[in-house]
C-alpha atoms as a PDB file:
ATOM      1  CA  MET A   1      13.331  -8.156   7.173  1.00  0.00           C
ATOM      2  CA  SER A   2      11.506  -5.829   9.518  1.00  0.00           C
ATOM      3  CA  ILE A   3       8.753  -3.825   7.835  1.00  0.00           C
ATOM      4  CA  GLU A   4       8.463  -0.241   9.063  1.00  0.00           C
ATOM      5  CA  ASN A   5       8.195   1.804   5.832  1.00  0.00           C
ATOM      6  CA  VAL A   6       5.388   1.082   3.397  1.00  0.00           C
ATOM      7  CA  ALA A   7       5.027   2.741   0.005  1.00  0.00           C
ATOM      8  CA  VAL A   8       1.430   3.007  -1.185  1.00  0.00           C
ATOM      9  CA  ILE A   9       1.458   3.652  -4.909  1.00  0.00           C
ATOM     10  CA  GLY A  10      -1.661   5.579  -5.880  1.00  0.00           C
ATOM     11  CA  GLY A  11      -3.439   7.937  -3.518  1.00  0.00           C
ATOM     12  CA  GLY A  12      -6.931   7.614  -4.946  1.00  0.00           C
ATOM     13  CA  LEU A  13      -9.960   6.183  -3.198  1.00  0.00           C
ATOM     14  CA  MET A  14      -8.318   2.872  -2.307  1.00  0.00           C
ATOM     15  CA  GLY A  15      -4.759   4.121  -1.860  1.00  0.00           C
ATOM     16  CA  ASN A  16      -5.568   6.861   0.634  1.00  0.00           C
ATOM     17  CA  GLY A  17      -7.741   4.450   2.628  1.00  0.00           C
ATOM     18  CA  ILE A  18      -4.971   1.855   2.662  1.00  0.00           C
ATOM     19  CA  ALA A  19      -2.479   4.529   3.789  1.00  0.00           C
ATOM     20  CA  GLN A  20      -4.798   5.435   6.691  1.00  0.00           C
ATOM     21  CA  VAL A  21      -4.973   1.830   7.881  1.00  0.00           C
ATOM     22  CA  VAL A  22      -1.224   1.257   7.538  1.00  0.00           C
ATOM     23  CA  ALA A  23      -0.359   4.467   9.428  1.00  0.00           C
ATOM     24  CA  ARG A  24      -2.894   3.666  12.123  1.00  0.00           C
ATOM     25  CA  ALA A  25      -1.134   0.307  12.586  1.00  0.00           C
ATOM     26  CA  GLY A  26       2.057   2.195  13.484  1.00  0.00           C
ATOM     27  CA  LEU A  27       3.969   1.958  10.207  1.00  0.00           C
ATOM     28  CA  ASN A  28       5.455   4.849   8.238  1.00  0.00           C
ATOM     29  CA  VAL A  29       3.698   5.387   4.908  1.00  0.00           C
ATOM     30  CA  THR A  30       4.722   7.189   1.748  1.00  0.00           C
ATOM     31  CA  ILE A  31       1.908   7.794  -0.715  1.00  0.00           C
ATOM     32  CA  VAL A  32       3.038   8.153  -4.326  1.00  0.00           C
ATOM     33  CA  ASP A  33       0.889   9.771  -6.989  1.00  0.00           C
ATOM     34  CA  LEU A  34       1.329  11.536 -10.314  1.00  0.00           C
ATOM     35  CA  ASP A  35       1.104  15.150  -9.173  1.00  0.00           C
ATOM     36  CA  GLU A  36       0.708  17.427  -6.166  1.00  0.00           C
ATOM     37  CA  ALA A  37      -3.002  17.974  -6.861  1.00  0.00           C
ATOM     38  CA  ALA A  38      -3.665  14.234  -6.517  1.00  0.00           C
ATOM     39  CA  LEU A  39      -1.563  14.121  -3.341  1.00  0.00           C
ATOM     40  CA  ASP A  40      -3.442  17.119  -1.903  1.00  0.00           C
ATOM     41  CA  THR A  41      -6.726  15.292  -2.525  1.00  0.00           C
ATOM     42  CA  ALA A  42      -5.355  12.161  -0.843  1.00  0.00           C
ATOM     43  CA  ARG A  43      -4.152  14.138   2.190  1.00  0.00           C
ATOM     44  CA  THR A  44      -7.557  15.856   2.501  1.00  0.00           C
ATOM     45  CA  ARG A  45      -9.386  12.505   2.351  1.00  0.00           C
ATOM     46  CA  ILE A  46      -7.031  11.015   4.936  1.00  0.00           C
ATOM     47  CA  GLN A  47      -7.550  13.954   7.302  1.00  0.00           C
ATOM     48  CA  ARG A  48     -11.331  13.587   6.919  1.00  0.00           C
ATOM     49  CA  GLY A  49     -11.051   9.852   7.565  1.00  0.00           C
ATOM     50  CA  PHE A  50      -9.141  10.407  10.784  1.00  0.00           C
ATOM     51  CA  ASP A  51     -11.590  13.159  11.809  1.00  0.00           C
ATOM     52  CA  ARG A  52     -14.495  10.702  11.342  1.00  0.00           C
ATOM     53  CA  ALA A  53     -12.663   8.041  13.358  1.00  0.00           C
ATOM     54  CA  VAL A  54     -12.116  10.495  16.221  1.00  0.00           C
ATOM     55  CA  LYS A  55     -15.713  11.718  16.110  1.00  0.00           C
ATOM     56  CA  SER A  56     -17.012   8.133  16.256  1.00  0.00           C
ATOM     57  CA  GLY A  57     -14.709   7.240  19.142  1.00  0.00           C
ATOM     58  CA  ARG A  58     -12.617   4.731  17.174  1.00  0.00           C
ATOM     59  CA  MET A  59      -9.472   6.887  17.672  1.00  0.00           C
ATOM     60  CA  THR A  60      -8.371   9.615  20.029  1.00  0.00           C
ATOM     61  CA  ASP A  61      -7.157  12.997  18.787  1.00  0.00           C
ATOM     62  CA  GLU A  62      -3.636  11.975  19.800  1.00  0.00           C
ATOM     63  CA  GLU A  63      -3.803   8.657  17.923  1.00  0.00           C
ATOM     64  CA  ALA A  64      -5.057  10.448  14.812  1.00  0.00           C
ATOM     65  CA  ALA A  65      -2.288  13.067  15.023  1.00  0.00           C
ATOM     66  CA  ASP A  66       0.346  10.355  15.505  1.00  0.00           C
ATOM     67  CA  ALA A  67      -0.958   8.349  12.532  1.00  0.00           C
ATOM     68  CA  LEU A  68      -1.128  11.451  10.344  1.00  0.00           C
ATOM     69  CA  ALA A  69       2.485  12.278  11.271  1.00  0.00           C
ATOM     70  CA  ARG A  70       3.543   8.862   9.934  1.00  0.00           C
ATOM     71  CA  ILE A  71       2.207   9.670   6.432  1.00  0.00           C
ATOM     72  CA  ASP A  72       4.417  11.312   3.823  1.00  0.00           C
ATOM     73  CA  SER A  73       3.718  11.888   0.141  1.00  0.00           C
ATOM     74  CA  THR A  74       5.718  12.298  -3.048  1.00  0.00           C
ATOM     75  CA  THR A  75       5.543  12.211  -6.813  1.00  0.00           C
ATOM     76  CA  ASP A  76       8.940  10.466  -6.946  1.00  0.00           C
ATOM     77  CA  LEU A  77       8.191   6.756  -7.352  1.00  0.00           C
ATOM     78  CA  GLU A  78      11.818   5.679  -7.358  1.00  0.00           C
ATOM     79  CA  ALA A  79      12.720   7.609  -4.195  1.00  0.00           C
ATOM     80  CA  ALA A  80       9.755   6.092  -2.361  1.00  0.00           C
ATOM     81  CA  GLY A  81      10.742   2.634  -3.607  1.00  0.00           C
ATOM     82  CA  GLU A  82      14.312   3.042  -2.350  1.00  0.00           C
ATOM     83  CA  ARG A  83      13.008   3.718   1.194  1.00  0.00           C
ATOM     84  CA  ALA A  84      10.276   1.059   1.203  1.00  0.00           C
ATOM     85  CA  ASP A  85      10.288  -2.181   3.175  1.00  0.00           C
ATOM     86  CA  HIS A  86       6.960  -3.144   1.565  1.00  0.00           C
ATOM     87  CA  VAL A  87       5.006  -1.868  -1.457  1.00  0.00           C
ATOM     88  CA  ILE A  88       1.243  -1.802  -1.942  1.00  0.00           C
ATOM     89  CA  GLU A  89       0.136  -0.802  -5.451  1.00  0.00           C
ATOM     90  CA  ALA A  90      -3.280   0.816  -5.880  1.00  0.00           C
ATOM     91  CA  VAL A  91      -3.053   2.596  -9.227  1.00  0.00           C
ATOM     92  CA  VAL A  92      -5.587   2.703 -12.041  1.00  0.00           C
ATOM     93  CA  GLU A  93      -6.786  -0.694 -13.318  1.00  0.00           C
ATOM     94  CA  VAL A  94      -4.779  -0.577 -16.545  1.00  0.00           C
ATOM     95  CA  ILE A  95      -2.392  -3.521 -16.858  1.00  0.00           C
ATOM     96  CA  GLN A  96       0.304  -1.593 -18.739  1.00  0.00           C
ATOM     97  CA  VAL A  97       0.358   1.115 -16.052  1.00  0.00           C
ATOM     98  CA  LYS A  98       0.649  -1.456 -13.275  1.00  0.00           C
ATOM     99  CA  GLU A  99       3.419  -3.358 -15.092  1.00  0.00           C
ATOM    100  CA  ASP A 100       5.363  -0.118 -15.646  1.00  0.00           C
ATOM    101  CA  VAL A 101       5.061   0.796 -11.963  1.00  0.00           C
ATOM    102  CA  PHE A 102       6.334  -2.621 -10.883  1.00  0.00           C
ATOM    103  CA  ARG A 103       9.224  -2.605 -13.404  1.00  0.00           C
ATOM    104  CA  ARG A 104      10.350   0.783 -12.139  1.00  0.00           C
ATOM    105  CA  LEU A 105      10.056  -0.266  -8.500  1.00  0.00           C
ATOM    106  CA  ASP A 106      11.829  -3.566  -9.137  1.00  0.00           C
ATOM    107  CA  ALA A 107      14.884  -1.615 -10.310  1.00  0.00           C
ATOM    108  CA  VAL A 108      15.182   0.406  -7.071  1.00  0.00           C
ATOM    109  CA  CYS A 109      13.632  -1.565  -4.207  1.00  0.00           C
ATOM    110  CA  ALA A 110      15.797  -3.663  -1.921  1.00  0.00           C
ATOM    111  CA  GLU A 111      15.900  -7.347  -2.834  1.00  0.00           C
ATOM    112  CA  PRO A 112      13.700  -8.627   0.041  1.00  0.00           C
ATOM    113  CA  VAL A 113      10.867  -6.105  -0.541  1.00  0.00           C
ATOM    114  CA  ILE A 114       7.509  -7.763  -1.221  1.00  0.00           C
ATOM    115  CA  PHE A 115       5.260  -6.217  -3.858  1.00  0.00           C
ATOM    116  CA  ALA A 116       1.510  -6.362  -3.239  1.00  0.00           C
ATOM    117  CA  SER A 117      -1.075  -5.368  -5.821  1.00  0.00           C
ATOM    118  CA  ASN A 118      -4.562  -4.249  -4.821  1.00  0.00           C
ATOM    119  CA  THR A 119      -5.934  -5.394  -8.184  1.00  0.00           C
ATOM    120  CA  SER A 120      -9.064  -7.496  -8.300  1.00  0.00           C
ATOM    121  CA  GLN A 121      -8.999  -7.689 -12.075  1.00  0.00           C
ATOM    122  CA  PHE A 122      -5.586  -8.856 -13.284  1.00  0.00           C
ATOM    123  CA  SER A 123      -3.563 -12.024 -12.857  1.00  0.00           C
ATOM    124  CA  ILE A 124      -1.037 -11.751 -10.053  1.00  0.00           C
ATOM    125  CA  SER A 125       1.313 -14.027 -12.002  1.00  0.00           C
ATOM    126  CA  ARG A 126       1.169 -11.714 -15.020  1.00  0.00           C
ATOM    127  CA  LEU A 127       1.947  -8.659 -12.894  1.00  0.00           C
ATOM    128  CA  ALA A 128       4.722 -10.538 -11.089  1.00  0.00           C
ATOM    129  CA  ALA A 129       6.288 -11.388 -14.459  1.00  0.00           C
ATOM    130  CA  ALA A 130       7.069  -7.675 -14.893  1.00  0.00           C
ATOM    131  CA  THR A 131       9.570  -8.054 -12.029  1.00  0.00           C
ATOM    132  CA  GLU A 132      12.588 -10.126 -11.076  1.00  0.00           C
ATOM    133  CA  ARG A 133      10.839 -11.134  -7.831  1.00  0.00           C
ATOM    134  CA  PRO A 134       7.779 -13.237  -8.714  1.00  0.00           C
ATOM    135  CA  ASP A 135       8.310 -15.194  -5.496  1.00  0.00           C
ATOM    136  CA  ARG A 136       7.921 -11.937  -3.532  1.00  0.00           C
ATOM    137  CA  PHE A 137       4.765 -10.765  -5.307  1.00  0.00           C
ATOM    138  CA  ILE A 138       1.210 -11.162  -4.017  1.00  0.00           C
ATOM    139  CA  GLY A 139      -2.289  -9.881  -4.507  1.00  0.00           C
ATOM    140  CA  SER A 140      -3.475  -7.896  -1.516  1.00  0.00           C
ATOM    141  CA  HIS A 141      -7.019  -6.882  -2.417  1.00  0.00           C
ATOM    142  CA  TRP A 142      -8.428  -4.502   0.177  1.00  0.00           C
ATOM    143  CA  PHE A 143     -12.189  -4.116   0.454  1.00  0.00           C
ATOM    144  CA  ASN A 144     -13.668  -0.643   0.113  1.00  0.00           C
ATOM    145  CA  PRO A 145     -13.464   1.508   2.139  1.00  0.00           C
ATOM    146  CA  PRO A 146     -10.271   0.140   3.743  1.00  0.00           C
ATOM    147  CA  PRO A 147     -10.589   2.067   7.043  1.00  0.00           C
ATOM    148  CA  VAL A 148     -14.043   0.536   7.624  1.00  0.00           C
ATOM    149  CA  MET A 149     -13.883  -2.898   5.997  1.00  0.00           C
ATOM    150  CA  ASP A 150     -11.745  -5.280   8.032  1.00  0.00           C
ATOM    151  CA  LEU A 151     -11.070  -7.545   5.079  1.00  0.00           C
ATOM    152  CA  ILE A 152      -8.078  -8.091   2.796  1.00  0.00           C
ATOM    153  CA  GLU A 153      -8.151 -10.890   0.235  1.00  0.00           C
ATOM    154  CA  LEU A 154      -4.682 -12.383  -0.365  1.00  0.00           C
ATOM    155  CA  VAL A 155      -4.115 -13.866  -3.808  1.00  0.00           C
ATOM    156  CA  ARG A 156      -1.117 -16.028  -4.620  1.00  0.00           C
ATOM    157  CA  GLY A 157       0.619 -15.986  -7.948  1.00  0.00           C
ATOM    158  CA  ILE A 158       2.063 -19.182  -9.427  1.00  0.00           C
ATOM    159  CA  GLU A 159       5.507 -18.386  -7.979  1.00  0.00           C
ATOM    160  CA  THR A 160       4.473 -16.590  -4.762  1.00  0.00           C
ATOM    161  CA  SER A 161       6.499 -18.127  -1.933  1.00  0.00           C
ATOM    162  CA  ASP A 162       5.108 -19.394   1.354  1.00  0.00           C
ATOM    163  CA  ALA A 163       7.274 -16.800   3.116  1.00  0.00           C
ATOM    164  CA  THR A 164       5.616 -14.019   1.094  1.00  0.00           C
ATOM    165  CA  VAL A 165       2.172 -15.297   2.040  1.00  0.00           C
ATOM    166  CA  GLU A 166       3.154 -15.551   5.719  1.00  0.00           C
ATOM    167  CA  THR A 167       4.655 -12.040   5.795  1.00  0.00           C
ATOM    168  CA  THR A 168       1.666 -10.505   4.032  1.00  0.00           C
ATOM    169  CA  LEU A 169      -0.780 -12.340   6.281  1.00  0.00           C
ATOM    170  CA  ALA A 170       1.107 -11.067   9.348  1.00  0.00           C
ATOM    171  CA  LEU A 171       0.858  -7.529   7.970  1.00  0.00           C
ATOM    172  CA  ALA A 172      -2.878  -7.943   7.339  1.00  0.00           C
ATOM    173  CA  GLU A 173      -3.292  -9.078  10.936  1.00  0.00           C
ATOM    174  CA  ARG A 174      -1.259  -6.087  12.137  1.00  0.00           C
ATOM    175  CA  TYR A 175      -3.598  -3.829  10.147  1.00  0.00           C
ATOM    176  CA  GLY A 176      -6.520  -5.359  12.015  1.00  0.00           C
END
């Protein structure tokens, strides 16, 4: 499965930084958050992040504009999940919230979609158990701030497949 559309669930500090990196790598990104105010904050932070990258010479104005054009946002989790080729979850560190997000996404995402959680606190196997795809579930813990820190820790669950690890590692490499 070719990955071109990534859903980033949660537009807070980590989520908006992850969205910046993913868009900069040439992928389409949909940020999902609870309300328009949260999405407005995420969009403002992303714009500032791209402005800093241009000012420091890490991006051109054109590259920043192109990356920004690849970012969409919504409050509709299910709609974003239906369009996603890959999901990165970066919501609040509350296990019940994360499990609910993954259950809802599991019902609408295409069968081959890999779910990645940015958690550094919870068991990947426990989160994967909320889905029917524990073999396509992985921890993808981005270091803060994602646009500056070139480091993603991949964490396998008990049932995470080798193919899931390989795909997620290839994405991490694509992100730089």
